C-alpha atoms as a PDB file:
ATOM      1  CA  UNK A   1       0.915  -2.530  10.584  1.00  0.00           C
ATOM      2  CA  UNK A   2      -1.091   0.136   8.815  1.00  0.00           C
ATOM      3  CA  UNK A   3      -3.185  -0.212   5.643  1.00  0.00           C
ATOM      4  CA  UNK A   4      -4.493   2.750   3.650  1.00  0.00           C
ATOM      5  CA  UNK A   5      -6.329   3.059   0.359  1.00  0.00           C
ATOM      6  CA  UNK A   6      -4.764   5.685  -1.877  1.00  0.00           C
ATOM      7  CA  UNK A   7      -7.068   8.207  -3.488  1.00  0.00           C
ATOM      8  CA  UNK A   8      -6.175  10.972  -5.942  1.00  0.00           C
ATOM      9  CA  UNK A   9      -7.082  13.680  -3.434  1.00  0.00           C
ATOM     10  CA  UNK A  10      -4.846  12.309  -0.651  1.00  0.00           C
ATOM     11  CA  UNK A  11      -2.011  10.691  -2.632  1.00  0.00           C
ATOM     12  CA  UNK A  12       0.733  13.145  -1.712  1.00  0.00           C
ATOM     13  CA  UNK A  13      -0.292  13.167   1.953  1.00  0.00           C
ATOM     14  CA  UNK A  14      -0.446   9.358   2.133  1.00  0.00           C
ATOM     15  CA  UNK A  15       2.824   8.766   0.303  1.00  0.00           C
ATOM     16  CA  UNK A  16       4.966  11.457   1.909  1.00  0.00           C
ATOM     17  CA  UNK A  17       3.561  13.077   5.042  1.00  0.00           C
ATOM     18  CA  UNK A  18       1.929  10.019   6.598  1.00  0.00           C
ATOM     19  CA  UNK A  19       4.892   7.829   5.688  1.00  0.00           C
ATOM     20  CA  UNK A  20       7.161  10.151   7.678  1.00  0.00           C
ATOM     21  CA  UNK A  21       4.730  10.244  10.591  1.00  0.00           C
ATOM     22  CA  UNK A  22       4.430   6.449  10.689  1.00  0.00           C
ATOM     23  CA  UNK A  23       8.216   6.070  10.470  1.00  0.00           C
ATOM     24  CA  UNK A  24       8.455   8.097  13.679  1.00  0.00           C
ATOM     25  CA  UNK A  25       6.332   5.495  15.509  1.00  0.00           C
ATOM     26  CA  UNK A  26       8.728   2.678  16.425  1.00  0.00           C
ATOM     27  CA  UNK A  27       5.966   0.093  16.792  1.00  0.00           C
ATOM     28  CA  UNK A  28       4.850   0.494  13.154  1.00  0.00           C
ATOM     29  CA  UNK A  29       6.767  -2.183  11.238  1.00  0.00           C
ATOM     30  CA  UNK A  30       4.886  -2.113   7.924  1.00  0.00           C
ATOM     31  CA  UNK A  31       2.803   0.450   6.022  1.00  0.00           C
ATOM     32  CA  UNK A  32       0.742  -0.755   3.039  1.00  0.00           C
ATOM     33  CA  UNK A  33      -0.789   1.728   0.606  1.00  0.00           C
ATOM     34  CA  UNK A  34      -3.379   0.112  -1.669  1.00  0.00           C
ATOM     35  CA  UNK A  35      -4.206   1.639  -5.049  1.00  0.00           C
ATOM     36  CA  UNK A  36      -7.840   2.604  -5.504  1.00  0.00           C
ATOM     37  CA  UNK A  37      -8.050   2.463  -9.299  1.00  0.00           C
ATOM     38  CA  UNK A  38      -6.231  -0.825  -9.999  1.00  0.00           C
ATOM     39  CA  UNK A  39      -4.759  -3.837  -8.236  1.00  0.00           C
ATOM     40  CA  UNK A  40      -1.475  -2.603  -6.851  1.00  0.00           C
ATOM     41  CA  UNK A  41       0.236  -1.524  -3.664  1.00  0.00           C
ATOM     42  CA  UNK A  42       3.282   0.146  -2.235  1.00  0.00           C
ATOM     43  CA  UNK A  43       4.597  -1.649   0.817  1.00  0.00           C
ATOM     44  CA  UNK A  44       6.962   0.082   3.211  1.00  0.00           C
ATOM     45  CA  UNK A  45       8.781  -2.042   5.766  1.00  0.00           C
ATOM     46  CA  UNK A  46      10.915  -0.772   8.603  1.00  0.00           C
ATOM     47  CA  UNK A  47      14.684  -1.085   8.229  1.00  0.00           C
ATOM     48  CA  UNK A  48      16.174   0.459  11.356  1.00  0.00           C
ATOM     49  CA  UNK A  49      15.193   4.123  11.331  1.00  0.00           C
ATOM     50  CA  UNK A  50      14.193   4.089   7.679  1.00  0.00           C
ATOM     51  CA  UNK A  51      11.589   2.546   5.347  1.00  0.00           C
ATOM     52  CA  UNK A  52      12.272   0.228   2.449  1.00  0.00           C
ATOM     53  CA  UNK A  53       9.562   0.522  -0.197  1.00  0.00           C
ATOM     54  CA  UNK A  54       8.358  -2.145  -2.605  1.00  0.00           C
ATOM     55  CA  UNK A  55       5.827  -1.670  -5.384  1.00  0.00           C
ATOM     56  CA  UNK A  56       3.783  -4.786  -5.997  1.00  0.00           C
ATOM     57  CA  UNK A  57       1.300  -5.469  -8.771  1.00  0.00           C
ATOM     58  CA  UNK A  58      -1.662  -7.634  -9.646  1.00  0.00           C
ATOM     59  CA  UNK A  59      -0.089 -11.109  -9.550  1.00  0.00           C
ATOM     60  CA  UNK A  60       2.219 -10.480  -6.565  1.00  0.00           C
ATOM     61  CA  UNK A  61       2.001 -12.035  -3.149  1.00  0.00           C
ATOM     62  CA  UNK A  62       1.589  -9.664  -0.220  1.00  0.00           C
ATOM     63  CA  UNK A  63       3.812 -10.871   2.597  1.00  0.00           C
ATOM     64  CA  UNK A  64       2.930  -9.737   6.122  1.00  0.00           C
ATOM     65  CA  UNK A  65       5.446 -11.592   8.327  1.00  0.00           C
ATOM     66  CA  UNK A  66       4.529  -9.513  11.383  1.00  0.00           C
ATOM     67  CA  UNK A  67       1.230 -11.380  11.562  1.00  0.00           C
ATOM     68  CA  UNK A  68       2.258 -14.580   9.763  1.00  0.00           C
ATOM     69  CA  UNK A  69       0.182 -13.973   6.633  1.00  0.00           C
ATOM     70  CA  UNK A  70       0.996 -14.186   2.938  1.00  0.00           C
ATOM     71  CA  UNK A  71      -1.750 -13.784   0.361  1.00  0.00           C
ATOM     72  CA  UNK A  72      -2.195 -12.824  -3.277  1.00  0.00           C
ATOM     73  CA  UNK A  73      -2.608  -9.056  -3.501  1.00  0.00           C
ATOM     74  CA  UNK A  74      -5.598  -9.579  -5.797  1.00  0.00           C
ATOM     75  CA  UNK A  75      -7.539 -11.183  -2.911  1.00  0.00           C
ATOM     76  CA  UNK A  76      -7.759  -7.792  -1.203  1.00  0.00           C
ATOM     77  CA  UNK A  77      -9.621  -6.514  -4.265  1.00  0.00           C
ATOM     78  CA  UNK A  78     -12.021  -9.455  -4.589  1.00  0.00           C
ATOM     79  CA  UNK A  79     -15.400  -8.111  -5.695  1.00  0.00           C
ATOM     80  CA  UNK A  80     -14.085  -4.602  -6.516  1.00  0.00           C
ATOM     81  CA  UNK A  81     -15.198  -3.260  -9.882  1.00  0.00           C
ATOM     82  CA  UNK A  82     -12.901  -0.606 -11.317  1.00  0.00           C
ATOM     83  CA  UNK A  83     -14.299   2.222 -13.407  1.00  0.00           C
ATOM     84  CA  UNK A  84     -13.110   2.334 -17.009  1.00  0.00           C
ATOM     85  CA  UNK A  85     -10.560   5.072 -17.608  1.00  0.00           C
ATOM     86  CA  UNK A  86     -11.158   7.418 -20.538  1.00  0.00           C
ATOM     87  CA  UNK A  87      -8.256   9.747 -21.353  1.00  0.00           C
ATOM     88  CA  UNK A  88      -9.083  13.380 -22.035  1.00  0.00           C
ATOM     89  CA  UNK A  89      -9.390  14.274 -25.740  1.00  0.00           C
END
């Protein structure tokens, strides 16, 4: 299982390139990409030679059956303060 925190500067690498690299490693069963600017995640789970992706949001449960854990996604962000977003004029 691999966890990564997505950042704007590495988003395309994390979501595409690394996903393909991790898929090539048979022992990697789950790849979790956590959003940096809000409570949210993309969870990839192995399905044969492919990944199945799930987008989960604030109130969702994060299920990690490989290690026997299920927890609210929000718990991973406990204590994190997000910066307010101001759109460009």
